[in-house]
Amino acid sequence: AFVNIPQDTIREALKVVLDVGNHPVLIHCKRGKHRTGCPVGRFRKLQRWCLTSVFDGYQRFAAAKARVTDQRFMELFDVSSLKHLPMSFSCSRR
């Protein structure tokens, strides 16, 4: 089942991850696949990973439990809404 998570909630979670004052950061959920994979996928997209690499990473960890709805959730995220945040991490150009 698809769960609609408000964009503001995702943006706030990514702000926490991007704030180096919170580092190191551990993102985890009960099984480490969907609730973890979606924000990590969006974070990677923010780091300018190509969508294919984002999906490959998600599918590798979610394995047989990978969901198309999760990938669509990551794909539709508009990274421009976070461009104003300071990016003190090294961006990967995959």
C-alpha atoms as a PDB file:
ATOM      1  CA  ALA A   1       0.000   0.000   0.000  1.00  0.00           C
ATOM      2  CA  PHE A   2       1.192   3.481  -0.835  1.00  0.00           C
ATOM      3  CA  VAL A   3       1.550   5.885   2.082  1.00  0.00           C
ATOM      4  CA  ASN A   4       1.484   9.558   1.178  1.00  0.00           C
ATOM      5  CA  ILE A   5       4.196  11.388   3.123  1.00  0.00           C
ATOM      6  CA  PRO A   6       3.923  15.177   2.952  1.00  0.00           C
ATOM      7  CA  GLN A   7       6.784  16.887   1.102  1.00  0.00           C
ATOM      8  CA  ASP A   8       7.386  19.123   4.135  1.00  0.00           C
ATOM      9  CA  THR A   9       8.026  16.041   6.283  1.00  0.00           C
ATOM     10  CA  ILE A  10      10.607  14.752   3.804  1.00  0.00           C
ATOM     11  CA  ARG A  11      12.273  18.173   3.584  1.00  0.00           C
ATOM     12  CA  GLU A  12      12.513  18.399   7.374  1.00  0.00           C
ATOM     13  CA  ALA A  13      14.038  14.918   7.594  1.00  0.00           C
ATOM     14  CA  LEU A  14      16.615  15.807   4.928  1.00  0.00           C
ATOM     15  CA  LYS A  15      17.467  19.042   6.769  1.00  0.00           C
ATOM     16  CA  VAL A  16      18.339  16.956   9.830  1.00  0.00           C
ATOM     17  CA  VAL A  17      20.552  14.665   7.726  1.00  0.00           C
ATOM     18  CA  LEU A  18      22.269  17.610   6.008  1.00  0.00           C
ATOM     19  CA  ASP A  19      23.055  19.439   9.270  1.00  0.00           C
ATOM     20  CA  VAL A  20      26.629  18.438  10.139  1.00  0.00           C
ATOM     21  CA  GLY A  21      25.849  19.269  13.766  1.00  0.00           C
ATOM     22  CA  ASN A  22      23.794  16.067  13.760  1.00  0.00           C
ATOM     23  CA  HIS A  23      26.568  13.886  12.316  1.00  0.00           C
ATOM     24  CA  PRO A  24      27.163  11.046  12.412  1.00  0.00           C
ATOM     25  CA  VAL A  25      23.634  10.117  11.338  1.00  0.00           C
ATOM     26  CA  LEU A  26      22.106   6.652  11.354  1.00  0.00           C
ATOM     27  CA  ILE A  27      18.945   6.156   9.321  1.00  0.00           C
ATOM     28  CA  HIS A  28      17.209   2.939  10.219  1.00  0.00           C
ATOM     29  CA  CYS A  29      13.808   1.329  10.349  1.00  0.00           C
ATOM     30  CA  LYS A  30      12.447  -2.041  11.386  1.00  0.00           C
ATOM     31  CA  ARG A  31      13.878  -3.913   8.413  1.00  0.00           C
ATOM     32  CA  GLY A  32      16.040  -1.275   6.708  1.00  0.00           C
ATOM     33  CA  LYS A  33      14.341  -1.443   3.323  1.00  0.00           C
ATOM     34  CA  HIS A  34      11.438   0.894   2.608  1.00  0.00           C
ATOM     35  CA  ARG A  35      11.279   3.501   5.346  1.00  0.00           C
ATOM     36  CA  THR A  36      15.044   3.761   5.175  1.00  0.00           C
ATOM     37  CA  GLY A  37      15.429   3.321   1.419  1.00  0.00           C
ATOM     38  CA  CYS A  38      13.087   6.154   0.450  1.00  0.00           C
ATOM     39  CA  PRO A  39      14.802   8.964   2.406  1.00  0.00           C
ATOM     40  CA  VAL A  40      18.241   7.626   1.471  1.00  0.00           C
ATOM     41  CA  GLY A  41      17.182   7.574  -2.188  1.00  0.00           C
ATOM     42  CA  ARG A  42      16.040  11.169  -1.941  1.00  0.00           C
ATOM     43  CA  PHE A  43      19.262  12.145  -0.191  1.00  0.00           C
ATOM     44  CA  ARG A  44      21.264  10.527  -2.996  1.00  0.00           C
ATOM     45  CA  LYS A  45      19.157  12.359  -5.547  1.00  0.00           C
ATOM     46  CA  LEU A  46      19.989  15.586  -3.719  1.00  0.00           C
ATOM     47  CA  GLN A  47      23.661  14.601  -4.018  1.00  0.00           C
ATOM     48  CA  ARG A  48      23.092  14.496  -7.792  1.00  0.00           C
ATOM     49  CA  TRP A  49      23.228  10.725  -8.195  1.00  0.00           C
ATOM     50  CA  CYS A  50      21.552   9.707 -11.428  1.00  0.00           C
ATOM     51  CA  LEU A  51      18.162   8.093 -10.916  1.00  0.00           C
ATOM     52  CA  THR A  52      19.425   4.741 -12.204  1.00  0.00           C
ATOM     53  CA  SER A  53      22.083   4.625  -9.443  1.00  0.00           C
ATOM     54  CA  VAL A  54      19.536   5.672  -6.818  1.00  0.00           C
ATOM     55  CA  PHE A  55      17.212   2.860  -7.900  1.00  0.00           C
ATOM     56  CA  ASP A  56      20.051   0.326  -8.124  1.00  0.00           C
ATOM     57  CA  GLY A  57      21.032   1.026  -4.514  1.00  0.00           C
ATOM     58  CA  TYR A  58      17.441   0.817  -3.344  1.00  0.00           C
ATOM     59  CA  GLN A  59      16.809  -2.443  -5.205  1.00  0.00           C
ATOM     60  CA  ARG A  60      20.022  -3.992  -3.908  1.00  0.00           C
ATOM     61  CA  PHE A  61      18.936  -3.555  -0.289  1.00  0.00           C
ATOM     62  CA  ALA A  62      15.180  -4.012  -0.714  1.00  0.00           C
ATOM     63  CA  ALA A  63      15.744  -7.080  -2.934  1.00  0.00           C
ATOM     64  CA  ALA A  64      12.507  -8.990  -3.532  1.00  0.00           C
ATOM     65  CA  LYS A  65      10.608  -6.425  -1.436  1.00  0.00           C
ATOM     66  CA  ALA A  66      11.431  -3.490  -3.746  1.00  0.00           C
ATOM     67  CA  ARG A  67       8.311  -1.546  -4.635  1.00  0.00           C
ATOM     68  CA  VAL A  68       7.642   0.520  -7.737  1.00  0.00           C
ATOM     69  CA  THR A  69       5.701   2.992  -5.574  1.00  0.00           C
ATOM     70  CA  ASP A  70       8.846   3.636  -3.507  1.00  0.00           C
ATOM     71  CA  GLN A  71      10.849   4.338  -6.639  1.00  0.00           C
ATOM     72  CA  ARG A  72       8.148   6.672  -7.921  1.00  0.00           C
ATOM     73  CA  PHE A  73       8.213   8.431  -4.535  1.00  0.00           C
ATOM     74  CA  MET A  74      11.974   9.012  -4.922  1.00  0.00           C
ATOM     75  CA  GLU A  75      11.685   9.997  -8.577  1.00  0.00           C
ATOM     76  CA  LEU A  76       9.057  12.681  -7.954  1.00  0.00           C
ATOM     77  CA  PHE A  77      11.021  14.434  -5.221  1.00  0.00           C
ATOM     78  CA  ASP A  78      11.885  17.989  -6.296  1.00  0.00           C
ATOM     79  CA  VAL A  79      15.444  18.607  -5.055  1.00  0.00           C
ATOM     80  CA  SER A  80      15.192  22.286  -5.980  1.00  0.00           C
ATOM     81  CA  SER A  81      13.168  22.785  -2.787  1.00  0.00           C
ATOM     82  CA  LEU A  82      16.384  22.111  -0.798  1.00  0.00           C
ATOM     83  CA  LYS A  83      18.948  23.913  -2.967  1.00  0.00           C
ATOM     84  CA  HIS A  84      19.104  26.800  -0.458  1.00  0.00           C
ATOM     85  CA  LEU A  85      20.466  24.565   2.312  1.00  0.00           C
ATOM     86  CA  PRO A  86      24.199  24.577   3.052  1.00  0.00           C
ATOM     87  CA  MET A  87      25.794  21.479   1.588  1.00  0.00           C
ATOM     88  CA  SER A  88      28.901  20.710   3.582  1.00  0.00           C
ATOM     89  CA  PHE A  89      29.139  17.129   2.339  1.00  0.00           C
ATOM     90  CA  SER A  90      30.899  16.098  -0.825  1.00  0.00           C
ATOM     91  CA  CYS A  91      28.437  15.660  -3.681  1.00  0.00           C
ATOM     92  CA  SER A  92      28.762  12.451  -5.624  1.00  0.00           C
ATOM     93  CA  ARG A  93      28.385  12.871  -9.390  1.00  0.00           C
ATOM     94  CA  ARG A  94      27.121   9.456 -10.432  1.00  0.00           C
END
